Amino acid sequence: MAAIVPVDAELLDTASVFALCRKDLESNFVPTYLHVVDEIPKTASEKPQERFLLDAFSVDAGNVFTE
């Protein structure tokens, strides 16, 4: 899973994101899911809090995309 924060969610083309990942990343690093979120939760020291993203993740959610 990769959590992404688009500048404009209406213009987001997830197929292009997956294509770019396939082009530039090794196959084992290409995400299975794209989780589109408004913001990445962070600690006071600006480190991402992955557990909150994992808690909000659901394969059936409307903001989760696959290839």
PDB file of N, CA and C in Angstrom:
ATOM      1  N   MET A   1       0.836  -1.165   0.000  1.00  0.00           N
ATOM      2  CA  MET A   1       0.000   0.000   0.000  1.00  0.00           C
ATOM      3  C   MET A   1       0.889   1.240   0.000  1.00  0.00           C
ATOM      4  N   ALA A   2       0.443   2.211  -0.764  1.00  0.00           N
ATOM      5  CA  ALA A   2       1.096   3.516  -0.756  1.00  0.00           C
ATOM      6  C   ALA A   2       0.025   4.553  -0.477  1.00  0.00           C
ATOM      7  N   ALA A   3       0.247   5.371   0.527  1.00  0.00           N
ATOM      8  CA  ALA A   3      -0.669   6.467   0.828  1.00  0.00           C
ATOM      9  C   ALA A   3      -0.192   7.695   0.071  1.00  0.00           C
ATOM     10  N   ILE A   4      -1.101   8.342  -0.655  1.00  0.00           N
ATOM     11  CA  ILE A   4      -0.735   9.531  -1.416  1.00  0.00           C
ATOM     12  C   ILE A   4      -1.703  10.660  -1.117  1.00  0.00           C
ATOM     13  N   VAL A   5      -1.177  11.884  -1.193  1.00  0.00           N
ATOM     14  CA  VAL A   5      -1.961  13.089  -0.987  1.00  0.00           C
ATOM     15  C   VAL A   5      -1.917  13.878  -2.299  1.00  0.00           C
ATOM     16  N   PRO A   6      -2.973  13.781  -3.113  1.00  0.00           N
ATOM     17  CA  PRO A   6      -2.946  14.505  -4.384  1.00  0.00           C
ATOM     18  C   PRO A   6      -3.183  16.000  -4.174  1.00  0.00           C
ATOM     19  N   VAL A   7      -2.612  16.789  -5.059  1.00  0.00           N
ATOM     20  CA  VAL A   7      -2.844  18.233  -5.020  1.00  0.00           C
ATOM     21  C   VAL A   7      -4.304  18.499  -5.360  1.00  0.00           C
ATOM     22  N   ASP A   8      -4.819  17.789  -6.369  1.00  0.00           N
ATOM     23  CA  ASP A   8      -6.215  17.914  -6.770  1.00  0.00           C
ATOM     24  C   ASP A   8      -6.766  16.511  -6.984  1.00  0.00           C
ATOM     25  N   ALA A   9      -7.570  16.039  -6.049  1.00  0.00           N
ATOM     26  CA  ALA A   9      -8.093  14.675  -6.095  1.00  0.00           C
ATOM     27  C   ALA A   9      -8.956  14.440  -7.332  1.00  0.00           C
ATOM     28  N   GLU A  10      -9.607  15.475  -7.832  1.00  0.00           N
ATOM     29  CA  GLU A  10     -10.454  15.336  -9.014  1.00  0.00           C
ATOM     30  C   GLU A  10      -9.633  15.009 -10.262  1.00  0.00           C
ATOM     31  N   LEU A  11      -8.392  15.469 -10.323  1.00  0.00           N
ATOM     32  CA  LEU A  11      -7.547  15.262 -11.490  1.00  0.00           C
ATOM     33  C   LEU A  11      -6.626  14.050 -11.357  1.00  0.00           C
ATOM     34  N   LEU A  12      -6.689  13.357 -10.243  1.00  0.00           N
ATOM     35  CA  LEU A  12      -5.804  12.220  -9.997  1.00  0.00           C
ATOM     36  C   LEU A  12      -6.118  11.078 -10.961  1.00  0.00           C
ATOM     37  N   ASP A  13      -5.107  10.612 -11.655  1.00  0.00           N
ATOM     38  CA  ASP A  13      -5.226   9.467 -12.553  1.00  0.00           C
ATOM     39  C   ASP A  13      -4.396   8.330 -11.955  1.00  0.00           C
ATOM     40  N   THR A  14      -5.077   7.425 -11.263  1.00  0.00           N
ATOM     41  CA  THR A  14      -4.366   6.357 -10.557  1.00  0.00           C
ATOM     42  C   THR A  14      -3.655   5.419 -11.530  1.00  0.00           C
ATOM     43  N   ALA A  15      -4.189   5.246 -12.724  1.00  0.00           N
ATOM     44  CA  ALA A  15      -3.523   4.391 -13.716  1.00  0.00           C
ATOM     45  C   ALA A  15      -2.146   4.953 -14.064  1.00  0.00           C
ATOM     46  N   SER A  16      -2.042   6.270 -14.151  1.00  0.00           N
ATOM     47  CA  SER A  16      -0.750   6.911 -14.436  1.00  0.00           C
ATOM     48  C   SER A  16       0.223   6.724 -13.278  1.00  0.00           C
ATOM     49  N   VAL A  17      -0.288   6.781 -12.066  1.00  0.00           N
ATOM     50  CA  VAL A  17       0.569   6.584 -10.889  1.00  0.00           C
ATOM     51  C   VAL A  17       1.124   5.161 -10.884  1.00  0.00           C
ATOM     52  N   PHE A  18       0.246   4.182 -11.150  1.00  0.00           N
ATOM     53  CA  PHE A  18       0.712   2.789 -11.201  1.00  0.00           C
ATOM     54  C   PHE A  18       1.707   2.602 -12.339  1.00  0.00           C
ATOM     55  N   ALA A  19       1.445   3.204 -13.493  1.00  0.00           N
ATOM     56  CA  ALA A  19       2.357   3.084 -14.635  1.00  0.00           C
ATOM     57  C   ALA A  19       3.724   3.672 -14.304  1.00  0.00           C
ATOM     58  N   LEU A  20       3.744   4.812 -13.649  1.00  0.00           N
ATOM     59  CA  LEU A  20       5.003   5.430 -13.250  1.00  0.00           C
ATOM     60  C   LEU A  20       5.758   4.551 -12.251  1.00  0.00           C
ATOM     61  N   CYS A  21       5.033   3.963 -11.315  1.00  0.00           N
ATOM     62  CA  CYS A  21       5.663   3.059 -10.343  1.00  0.00           C
ATOM     63  C   CYS A  21       6.268   1.856 -11.058  1.00  0.00           C
ATOM     64  N   ARG A  22       5.530   1.276 -12.007  1.00  0.00           N
ATOM     65  CA  ARG A  22       6.038   0.120 -12.758  1.00  0.00           C
ATOM     66  C   ARG A  22       7.275   0.488 -13.572  1.00  0.00           C
ATOM     67  N   LYS A  23       7.305   1.723 -14.089  1.00  0.00           N
ATOM     68  CA  LYS A  23       8.419   2.167 -14.914  1.00  0.00           C
ATOM     69  C   LYS A  23       9.673   2.442 -14.083  1.00  0.00           C
ATOM     70  N   ASP A  24       9.503   3.080 -12.922  1.00  0.00           N
ATOM     71  CA  ASP A  24      10.647   3.575 -12.158  1.00  0.00           C
ATOM     72  C   ASP A  24      11.052   2.734 -10.952  1.00  0.00           C
ATOM     73  N   LEU A  25      10.210   1.794 -10.535  1.00  0.00           N
ATOM     74  CA  LEU A  25      10.522   0.999  -9.343  1.00  0.00           C
ATOM     75  C   LEU A  25      10.745  -0.460  -9.709  1.00  0.00           C
ATOM     76  N   GLU A  26      11.491  -1.154  -8.868  1.00  0.00           N
ATOM     77  CA  GLU A  26      11.614  -2.595  -9.025  1.00  0.00           C
ATOM     78  C   GLU A  26      10.259  -3.218  -8.733  1.00  0.00           C
ATOM     79  N   SER A  27       9.975  -4.349  -9.346  1.00  0.00           N
ATOM     80  CA  SER A  27       8.635  -4.941  -9.266  1.00  0.00           C
ATOM     81  C   SER A  27       8.177  -5.223  -7.839  1.00  0.00           C
ATOM     82  N   ASN A  28       9.102  -5.567  -6.953  1.00  0.00           N
ATOM     83  CA  ASN A  28       8.696  -5.845  -5.568  1.00  0.00           C
ATOM     84  C   ASN A  28       8.385  -4.579  -4.769  1.00  0.00           C
ATOM     85  N   PHE A  29       8.662  -3.390  -5.320  1.00  0.00           N
ATOM     86  CA  PHE A  29       8.360  -2.132  -4.638  1.00  0.00           C
ATOM     87  C   PHE A  29       7.106  -1.448  -5.180  1.00  0.00           C
ATOM     88  N   VAL A  30       6.504  -1.994  -6.229  1.00  0.00           N
ATOM     89  CA  VAL A  30       5.281  -1.406  -6.793  1.00  0.00           C
ATOM     90  C   VAL A  30       4.128  -1.719  -5.841  1.00  0.00           C
ATOM     91  N   PRO A  31       3.403  -0.688  -5.400  1.00  0.00           N
ATOM     92  CA  PRO A  31       2.320  -0.932  -4.443  1.00  0.00           C
ATOM     93  C   PRO A  31       1.150  -1.679  -5.086  1.00  0.00           C
ATOM     94  N   THR A  32       0.476  -2.483  -4.288  1.00  0.00           N
ATOM     95  CA  THR A  32      -0.719  -3.179  -4.738  1.00  0.00           C
ATOM     96  C   THR A  32      -1.913  -2.235  -4.669  1.00  0.00           C
ATOM     97  N   TYR A  33      -1.905  -1.368  -3.657  1.00  0.00           N
ATOM     98  CA  TYR A  33      -3.009  -0.436  -3.435  1.00  0.00           C
ATOM     99  C   TYR A  33      -2.485   0.999  -3.345  1.00  0.00           C
ATOM    100  N   LEU A  34      -3.284   1.933  -3.842  1.00  0.00           N
ATOM    101  CA  LEU A  34      -3.049   3.357  -3.610  1.00  0.00           C
ATOM    102  C   LEU A  34      -4.142   3.841  -2.684  1.00  0.00           C
ATOM    103  N   HIS A  35      -3.755   4.368  -1.558  1.00  0.00           N
ATOM    104  CA  HIS A  35      -4.689   4.886  -0.554  1.00  0.00           C
ATOM    105  C   HIS A  35      -4.623   6.410  -0.628  1.00  0.00           C
ATOM    106  N   VAL A  36      -5.669   7.025  -1.164  1.00  0.00           N
ATOM    107  CA  VAL A  36      -5.699   8.473  -1.335  1.00  0.00           C
ATOM    108  C   VAL A  36      -6.242   9.101  -0.047  1.00  0.00           C
ATOM    109  N   VAL A  37      -5.441   9.975   0.546  1.00  0.00           N
ATOM    110  CA  VAL A  37      -5.819  10.617   1.809  1.00  0.00           C
ATOM    111  C   VAL A  37      -5.668  12.132   1.696  1.00  0.00           C
ATOM    112  N   ASP A  38      -6.314  12.853   2.614  1.00  0.00           N
ATOM    113  CA  ASP A  38      -6.220  14.315   2.637  1.00  0.00           C
ATOM    114  C   ASP A  38      -4.889  14.789   3.182  1.00  0.00           C
ATOM    115  N   GLU A  39      -4.352  14.037   4.140  1.00  0.00           N
ATOM    116  CA  GLU A  39      -3.054  14.378   4.715  1.00  0.00           C
ATOM    117  C   GLU A  39      -2.453  13.136   5.358  1.00  0.00           C
ATOM    118  N   ILE A  40      -1.144  13.141   5.485  1.00  0.00           N
ATOM    119  CA  ILE A  40      -0.432  12.068   6.167  1.00  0.00           C
ATOM    120  C   ILE A  40      -0.317  12.470   7.635  1.00  0.00           C
ATOM    121  N   PRO A  41      -0.883  11.674   8.552  1.00  0.00           N
ATOM    122  CA  PRO A  41      -0.760  12.025   9.971  1.00  0.00           C
ATOM    123  C   PRO A  41       0.693  11.988  10.427  1.00  0.00           C
ATOM    124  N   LYS A  42       1.090  12.977  11.192  1.00  0.00           N
ATOM    125  CA  LYS A  42       2.487  13.075  11.636  1.00  0.00           C
ATOM    126  C   LYS A  42       2.572  13.339  13.129  1.00  0.00           C
ATOM    127  N   THR A  43       3.733  12.989  13.677  1.00  0.00           N
ATOM    128  CA  THR A  43       4.015  13.268  15.082  1.00  0.00           C
ATOM    129  C   THR A  43       4.434  14.735  15.215  1.00  0.00           C
ATOM    130  N   ALA A  44       4.679  15.163  16.417  1.00  0.00           N
ATOM    131  CA  ALA A  44       5.141  16.533  16.651  1.00  0.00           C
ATOM    132  C   ALA A  44       6.489  16.797  15.985  1.00  0.00           C
ATOM    133  N   SER A  45       7.273  15.750  15.799  1.00  0.00           N
ATOM    134  CA  SER A  45       8.583  15.904  15.148  1.00  0.00           C
ATOM    135  C   SER A  45       8.500  15.650  13.636  1.00  0.00           C
ATOM    136  N   GLU A  46       7.287  15.655  13.088  1.00  0.00           N
ATOM    137  CA  GLU A  46       7.035  15.534  11.643  1.00  0.00           C
ATOM    138  C   GLU A  46       7.340  14.154  11.045  1.00  0.00           C
ATOM    139  N   LYS A  47       7.370  13.132  11.878  1.00  0.00           N
ATOM    140  CA  LYS A  47       7.533  11.776  11.357  1.00  0.00           C
ATOM    141  C   LYS A  47       6.146  11.210  11.037  1.00  0.00           C
ATOM    142  N   PRO A  48       6.001  10.491   9.919  1.00  0.00           N
ATOM    143  CA  PRO A  48       4.685   9.938   9.580  1.00  0.00           C
ATOM    144  C   PRO A  48       4.243   8.879  10.590  1.00  0.00           C
ATOM    145  N   GLN A  49       2.960   8.896  10.911  1.00  0.00           N
ATOM    146  CA  GLN A  49       2.395   7.912  11.829  1.00  0.00           C
ATOM    147  C   GLN A  49       1.653   6.865  10.992  1.00  0.00           C
ATOM    148  N   GLU A  50       2.381   5.850  10.599  1.00  0.00           N
ATOM    149  CA  GLU A  50       1.852   4.833   9.696  1.00  0.00           C
ATOM    150  C   GLU A  50       0.688   4.057  10.306  1.00  0.00           C
ATOM    151  N   ARG A  51       0.660   3.910  11.606  1.00  0.00           N
ATOM    152  CA  ARG A  51      -0.398   3.106  12.233  1.00  0.00           C
ATOM    153  C   ARG A  51      -1.775   3.713  11.991  1.00  0.00           C
ATOM    154  N   PHE A  52      -1.888   5.040  11.924  1.00  0.00           N
ATOM    155  CA  PHE A  52      -3.175   5.670  11.658  1.00  0.00           C
ATOM    156  C   PHE A  52      -3.616   5.426  10.218  1.00  0.00           C
ATOM    157  N   LEU A  53      -2.653   5.395   9.299  1.00  0.00           N
ATOM    158  CA  LEU A  53      -2.980   5.076   7.911  1.00  0.00           C
ATOM    159  C   LEU A  53      -3.433   3.626   7.800  1.00  0.00           C
ATOM    160  N   LEU A  54      -2.748   2.736   8.488  1.00  0.00           N
ATOM    161  CA  LEU A  54      -3.134   1.321   8.458  1.00  0.00           C
ATOM    162  C   LEU A  54      -4.506   1.106   9.079  1.00  0.00           C
ATOM    163  N   ASP A  55      -4.818   1.826  10.148  1.00  0.00           N
ATOM    164  CA  ASP A  55      -6.130   1.707  10.783  1.00  0.00           C
ATOM    165  C   ASP A  55      -7.244   2.190   9.851  1.00  0.00           C
ATOM    166  N   ALA A  56      -6.974   3.213   9.045  1.00  0.00           N
ATOM    167  CA  ALA A  56      -7.980   3.778   8.146  1.00  0.00           C
ATOM    168  C   ALA A  56      -8.086   3.020   6.832  1.00  0.00           C
ATOM    169  N   PHE A  57      -7.144   2.122   6.569  1.00  0.00           N
ATOM    170  CA  PHE A  57      -7.109   1.408   5.293  1.00  0.00           C
ATOM    171  C   PHE A  57      -8.141   0.293   5.253  1.00  0.00           C
ATOM    172  N   SER A  58      -8.883   0.231   4.138  1.00  0.00           N
ATOM    173  CA  SER A  58      -9.809  -0.863   3.888  1.00  0.00           C
ATOM    174  C   SER A  58      -9.843  -1.083   2.374  1.00  0.00           C
ATOM    175  N   VAL A  59      -9.689  -2.303   1.945  1.00  0.00           N
ATOM    176  CA  VAL A  59      -9.661  -2.626   0.520  1.00  0.00           C
ATOM    177  C   VAL A  59     -10.940  -2.163  -0.170  1.00  0.00           C
ATOM    178  N   ASP A  60     -12.042  -2.174   0.544  1.00  0.00           N
ATOM    179  CA  ASP A  60     -13.354  -1.819  -0.033  1.00  0.00           C
ATOM    180  C   ASP A  60     -13.657  -0.333   0.005  1.00  0.00           C
ATOM    181  N   ALA A  61     -12.784   0.467   0.582  1.00  0.00           N
ATOM    182  CA  ALA A  61     -13.040   1.910   0.710  1.00  0.00           C
ATOM    183  C   ALA A  61     -13.028   2.594  -0.659  1.00  0.00           C
ATOM    184  N   GLY A  62     -13.737   3.684  -0.764  1.00  0.00           N
ATOM    185  CA  GLY A  62     -13.819   4.434  -2.011  1.00  0.00           C
ATOM    186  C   GLY A  62     -12.543   5.177  -2.358  1.00  0.00           C
ATOM    187  N   ASN A  63     -11.654   5.324  -1.407  1.00  0.00           N
ATOM    188  CA  ASN A  63     -10.402   6.058  -1.653  1.00  0.00           C
ATOM    189  C   ASN A  63      -9.197   5.128  -1.791  1.00  0.00           C
ATOM    190  N   VAL A  64      -9.452   3.842  -2.048  1.00  0.00           N
ATOM    191  CA  VAL A  64      -8.403   2.850  -2.241  1.00  0.00           C
ATOM    192  C   VAL A  64      -8.529   2.297  -3.656  1.00  0.00           C
ATOM    193  N   PHE A  65      -7.412   2.324  -4.392  1.00  0.00           N
ATOM    194  CA  PHE A  65      -7.415   1.927  -5.804  1.00  0.00           C
ATOM    195  C   PHE A  65      -6.396   0.824  -6.054  1.00  0.00           C
ATOM    196  N   THR A  66      -6.711  -0.049  -7.003  1.00  0.00           N
ATOM    197  CA  THR A  66      -5.791  -1.086  -7.466  1.00  0.00           C
ATOM    198  C   THR A  66      -5.616  -0.939  -8.969  1.00  0.00           C
ATOM    199  N   GLU A  67      -4.652  -1.659  -9.499  1.00  0.00           N
ATOM    200  CA  GLU A  67      -4.407  -1.584 -10.950  1.00  0.00           C
ATOM    201  C   GLU A  67      -5.521  -2.170 -11.716  1.00  0.00           C
TER     202      GLU A  67
END
